[in-house]
Amino acid sequence: MRNKGINSNRLKREPLEQKFAKLWEKDNHRKIGNGILDYLLAQDPNYPRGEVTPRDREVAATVIQWLGSPVGVSFLEEIGFKRGKGYNNG
């Protein structure tokens, strides 16, 4: 796993964290082209040029995994996201 979070040991026991981490890895580990993080952290977001460091990858993967944790899910629910339903506009 190239985009591995600090607490990846939790993935075996936390299925939702694992889903978040796997999708993040899929969207950021490409043999050809760039991933989401490359575009997010590029000086010119249209043309990433390798600005992402290994530490950037670790921090981003940790935050993404955290969103799938019980505390992360509560955070998302506070702003209107509902598990299994996406964004609640009400």
N, C-alpha and C. Protein backbone atom coordinates (compact mmCIF):
# COMPACT_ATOMS: atom_id res chain seq x y z
N MET A 1 0.86 -1.18 0.00
CA MET A 1 0.00 0.00 0.00
C MET A 1 0.90 1.23 0.00
N ARG A 2 0.78 2.05 -1.00
CA ARG A 2 1.61 3.25 -1.13
C ARG A 2 1.08 4.39 -0.27
N ASN A 3 -0.23 4.50 -0.18
CA ASN A 3 -0.87 5.58 0.57
C ASN A 3 -1.40 5.01 1.88
N LYS A 4 -0.47 4.71 2.78
CA LYS A 4 -0.78 4.01 4.03
C LYS A 4 -0.83 4.99 5.19
N GLY A 5 -1.90 4.91 5.97
CA GLY A 5 -2.05 5.77 7.13
C GLY A 5 -1.26 5.27 8.33
N ILE A 6 -1.11 6.12 9.30
CA ILE A 6 -0.35 5.81 10.51
C ILE A 6 -0.98 4.66 11.28
N ASN A 7 -2.30 4.59 11.29
CA ASN A 7 -3.00 3.57 12.07
C ASN A 7 -3.58 2.46 11.19
N SER A 8 -2.84 2.05 10.19
CA SER A 8 -3.35 1.02 9.28
C SER A 8 -3.54 -0.33 9.96
N ASN A 9 -2.97 -0.51 11.15
CA ASN A 9 -3.20 -1.75 11.91
C ASN A 9 -4.67 -1.91 12.28
N ARG A 10 -5.44 -0.84 12.26
CA ARG A 10 -6.87 -0.90 12.60
C ARG A 10 -7.73 -1.45 11.47
N LEU A 11 -7.19 -1.53 10.27
CA LEU A 11 -7.99 -1.90 9.11
C LEU A 11 -8.60 -3.29 9.22
N LYS A 12 -7.93 -4.22 9.86
CA LYS A 12 -8.46 -5.58 9.99
C LYS A 12 -9.69 -5.65 10.88
N ARG A 13 -9.79 -4.75 11.85
CA ARG A 13 -10.92 -4.83 12.78
C ARG A 13 -11.98 -3.74 12.55
N GLU A 14 -11.71 -2.79 11.67
CA GLU A 14 -12.64 -1.69 11.41
C GLU A 14 -13.00 -1.67 9.92
N PRO A 15 -14.08 -2.38 9.54
CA PRO A 15 -14.41 -2.53 8.12
C PRO A 15 -14.67 -1.21 7.38
N LEU A 16 -15.27 -0.23 8.04
CA LEU A 16 -15.54 1.04 7.35
C LEU A 16 -14.23 1.81 7.13
N GLU A 17 -13.34 1.79 8.08
CA GLU A 17 -12.02 2.41 7.89
C GLU A 17 -11.31 1.73 6.72
N GLN A 18 -11.44 0.42 6.63
CA GLN A 18 -10.81 -0.32 5.55
C GLN A 18 -11.38 0.10 4.19
N LYS A 19 -12.69 0.31 4.12
CA LYS A 19 -13.31 0.76 2.87
C LYS A 19 -12.77 2.13 2.45
N PHE A 20 -12.70 3.05 3.40
CA PHE A 20 -12.17 4.38 3.11
C PHE A 20 -10.73 4.27 2.62
N ALA A 21 -9.92 3.49 3.33
CA ALA A 21 -8.49 3.36 3.00
C ALA A 21 -8.30 2.71 1.63
N LYS A 22 -9.06 1.67 1.34
CA LYS A 22 -8.92 0.98 0.05
C LYS A 22 -9.30 1.88 -1.12
N LEU A 23 -10.37 2.63 -0.97
CA LEU A 23 -10.78 3.53 -2.06
C LEU A 23 -9.75 4.64 -2.24
N TRP A 24 -9.22 5.17 -1.15
CA TRP A 24 -8.18 6.21 -1.24
C TRP A 24 -6.95 5.67 -1.95
N GLU A 25 -6.54 4.44 -1.59
CA GLU A 25 -5.40 3.82 -2.24
C GLU A 25 -5.67 3.64 -3.74
N LYS A 26 -6.85 3.16 -4.06
CA LYS A 26 -7.21 2.94 -5.47
C LYS A 26 -7.14 4.25 -6.26
N ASP A 27 -7.64 5.32 -5.69
CA ASP A 27 -7.69 6.60 -6.39
C ASP A 27 -6.36 7.35 -6.39
N ASN A 28 -5.38 6.84 -5.67
CA ASN A 28 -4.10 7.54 -5.59
C ASN A 28 -2.89 6.70 -5.99
N HIS A 29 -3.07 5.45 -6.27
CA HIS A 29 -1.95 4.59 -6.67
C HIS A 29 -2.15 4.24 -8.14
N ARG A 30 -1.49 4.97 -8.99
CA ARG A 30 -1.62 4.75 -10.43
C ARG A 30 -0.26 4.49 -11.03
N LYS A 31 -0.21 3.52 -11.93
CA LYS A 31 1.05 3.25 -12.63
C LYS A 31 1.30 4.31 -13.68
N ILE A 32 0.24 4.83 -14.25
CA ILE A 32 0.34 5.88 -15.26
C ILE A 32 -0.57 7.03 -14.81
N GLY A 33 -0.06 8.23 -14.84
CA GLY A 33 -0.87 9.39 -14.46
C GLY A 33 -0.78 9.70 -12.98
N ASN A 34 -1.62 10.59 -12.55
CA ASN A 34 -1.60 11.09 -11.17
C ASN A 34 -2.87 10.72 -10.44
N GLY A 35 -2.77 10.70 -9.12
CA GLY A 35 -3.93 10.45 -8.29
C GLY A 35 -4.50 11.75 -7.75
N ILE A 36 -5.55 11.63 -6.98
CA ILE A 36 -6.24 12.79 -6.40
C ILE A 36 -5.28 13.67 -5.61
N LEU A 37 -4.49 13.07 -4.74
CA LEU A 37 -3.59 13.86 -3.89
C LEU A 37 -2.58 14.64 -4.71
N ASP A 38 -2.11 14.05 -5.80
CA ASP A 38 -1.16 14.76 -6.67
C ASP A 38 -1.78 16.06 -7.20
N TYR A 39 -3.04 16.00 -7.58
CA TYR A 39 -3.72 17.21 -8.07
C TYR A 39 -4.01 18.19 -6.93
N LEU A 40 -4.43 17.67 -5.79
CA LEU A 40 -4.76 18.54 -4.66
C LEU A 40 -3.56 19.36 -4.16
N LEU A 41 -2.38 18.76 -4.18
CA LEU A 41 -1.20 19.43 -3.62
C LEU A 41 -0.26 20.04 -4.66
N ALA A 42 -0.64 19.97 -5.92
CA ALA A 42 0.21 20.53 -6.97
C ALA A 42 0.17 22.06 -6.95
N GLN A 43 1.29 22.67 -7.25
CA GLN A 43 1.32 24.13 -7.35
C GLN A 43 0.35 24.60 -8.42
N ASP A 44 0.32 23.91 -9.55
CA ASP A 44 -0.68 24.14 -10.58
C ASP A 44 -1.52 22.87 -10.64
N PRO A 45 -2.76 22.91 -10.10
CA PRO A 45 -3.56 21.69 -9.99
C PRO A 45 -3.90 21.03 -11.33
N ASN A 46 -3.65 21.71 -12.42
CA ASN A 46 -3.88 21.10 -13.73
C ASN A 46 -2.68 20.27 -14.20
N TYR A 47 -1.52 20.54 -13.62
CA TYR A 47 -0.29 19.87 -14.05
C TYR A 47 0.59 19.49 -12.86
N PRO A 48 0.24 18.45 -12.13
CA PRO A 48 1.08 18.02 -11.01
C PRO A 48 2.46 17.60 -11.50
N ARG A 49 3.47 17.95 -10.71
CA ARG A 49 4.85 17.63 -11.09
C ARG A 49 5.60 16.95 -9.96
N GLY A 50 4.93 16.06 -9.26
CA GLY A 50 5.61 15.28 -8.22
C GLY A 50 5.85 16.01 -6.92
N GLU A 51 5.01 16.98 -6.60
CA GLU A 51 5.20 17.75 -5.37
C GLU A 51 4.87 16.97 -4.10
N VAL A 52 4.12 15.88 -4.20
CA VAL A 52 3.66 15.14 -3.03
C VAL A 52 4.81 14.34 -2.41
N THR A 53 4.99 14.51 -1.10
CA THR A 53 6.03 13.79 -0.38
C THR A 53 5.44 12.52 0.25
N PRO A 54 6.31 11.59 0.66
CA PRO A 54 5.80 10.42 1.38
C PRO A 54 5.03 10.81 2.64
N ARG A 55 5.49 11.85 3.34
CA ARG A 55 4.78 12.30 4.54
C ARG A 55 3.40 12.85 4.17
N ASP A 56 3.29 13.59 3.08
CA ASP A 56 1.98 14.07 2.62
C ASP A 56 1.03 12.89 2.42
N ARG A 57 1.53 11.84 1.77
CA ARG A 57 0.71 10.64 1.51
C ARG A 57 0.26 9.99 2.82
N GLU A 58 1.17 9.91 3.79
CA GLU A 58 0.84 9.30 5.07
C GLU A 58 -0.22 10.10 5.82
N VAL A 59 -0.06 11.42 5.85
CA VAL A 59 -1.01 12.27 6.55
C VAL A 59 -2.39 12.20 5.88
N ALA A 60 -2.43 12.32 4.57
CA ALA A 60 -3.72 12.26 3.86
C ALA A 60 -4.39 10.91 4.07
N ALA A 61 -3.64 9.82 3.96
CA ALA A 61 -4.22 8.49 4.15
C ALA A 61 -4.74 8.31 5.57
N THR A 62 -4.05 8.89 6.55
CA THR A 62 -4.49 8.81 7.94
C THR A 62 -5.82 9.52 8.13
N VAL A 63 -5.94 10.71 7.56
CA VAL A 63 -7.19 11.47 7.69
C VAL A 63 -8.34 10.76 6.98
N ILE A 64 -8.09 10.26 5.78
CA ILE A 64 -9.14 9.55 5.04
C ILE A 64 -9.59 8.33 5.82
N GLN A 65 -8.67 7.55 6.33
CA GLN A 65 -9.03 6.37 7.14
C GLN A 65 -9.82 6.79 8.36
N TRP A 66 -9.41 7.87 9.01
CA TRP A 66 -10.08 8.36 10.21
C TRP A 66 -11.55 8.68 9.93
N LEU A 67 -11.86 9.16 8.72
CA LEU A 67 -13.25 9.46 8.38
C LEU A 67 -14.14 8.23 8.48
N GLY A 68 -13.57 7.04 8.34
CA GLY A 68 -14.34 5.81 8.47
C GLY A 68 -14.41 5.28 9.88
N SER A 69 -13.73 5.93 10.81
CA SER A 69 -13.76 5.50 12.22
C SER A 69 -15.05 6.00 12.87
N PRO A 70 -15.41 5.47 14.03
CA PRO A 70 -16.61 5.96 14.71
C PRO A 70 -16.58 7.48 14.95
N VAL A 71 -15.43 8.02 15.34
CA VAL A 71 -15.32 9.46 15.57
C VAL A 71 -15.41 10.21 14.24
N GLY A 72 -14.77 9.69 13.20
CA GLY A 72 -14.84 10.31 11.88
C GLY A 72 -16.25 10.32 11.31
N VAL A 73 -16.97 9.21 11.49
CA VAL A 73 -18.36 9.14 11.03
C VAL A 73 -19.21 10.17 11.77
N SER A 74 -18.99 10.31 13.07
CA SER A 74 -19.72 11.33 13.85
C SER A 74 -19.44 12.73 13.31
N PHE A 75 -18.20 12.98 12.97
CA PHE A 75 -17.80 14.26 12.38
C PHE A 75 -18.59 14.50 11.09
N LEU A 76 -18.64 13.50 10.21
CA LEU A 76 -19.37 13.63 8.95
C LEU A 76 -20.86 13.84 9.19
N GLU A 77 -21.41 13.13 10.16
CA GLU A 77 -22.84 13.27 10.47
C GLU A 77 -23.17 14.67 10.99
N GLU A 78 -22.23 15.28 11.71
CA GLU A 78 -22.46 16.64 12.23
C GLU A 78 -22.65 17.66 11.11
N ILE A 79 -22.07 17.39 9.95
CA ILE A 79 -22.24 18.33 8.84
C ILE A 79 -23.27 17.86 7.83
N GLY A 80 -24.03 16.81 8.16
CA GLY A 80 -25.17 16.42 7.35
C GLY A 80 -25.01 15.15 6.53
N PHE A 81 -23.87 14.49 6.59
CA PHE A 81 -23.73 13.23 5.87
C PHE A 81 -24.35 12.11 6.70
N LYS A 82 -25.03 11.22 6.02
CA LYS A 82 -25.63 10.07 6.69
C LYS A 82 -25.03 8.81 6.11
N ARG A 83 -24.67 7.90 6.96
CA ARG A 83 -24.06 6.64 6.53
C ARG A 83 -25.02 5.90 5.59
N GLY A 84 -24.52 5.57 4.41
CA GLY A 84 -25.31 4.84 3.44
C GLY A 84 -26.23 5.71 2.61
N LYS A 85 -26.31 6.99 2.94
CA LYS A 85 -27.24 7.87 2.23
C LYS A 85 -26.57 9.06 1.59
N GLY A 86 -25.27 9.27 1.84
CA GLY A 86 -24.60 10.44 1.27
C GLY A 86 -24.98 11.71 1.99
N TYR A 87 -24.95 12.79 1.28
CA TYR A 87 -25.19 14.10 1.89
C TYR A 87 -26.68 14.34 2.12
N ASN A 88 -27.02 14.78 3.30
CA ASN A 88 -28.40 15.11 3.65
C ASN A 88 -28.54 16.63 3.56
N ASN A 89 -29.24 17.10 2.56
CA ASN A 89 -29.34 18.53 2.30
C ASN A 89 -30.30 19.25 3.23
N GLY A 90 -30.90 18.54 4.16
CA GLY A 90 -31.88 19.17 5.03
C GLY A 90 -31.30 19.48 6.30
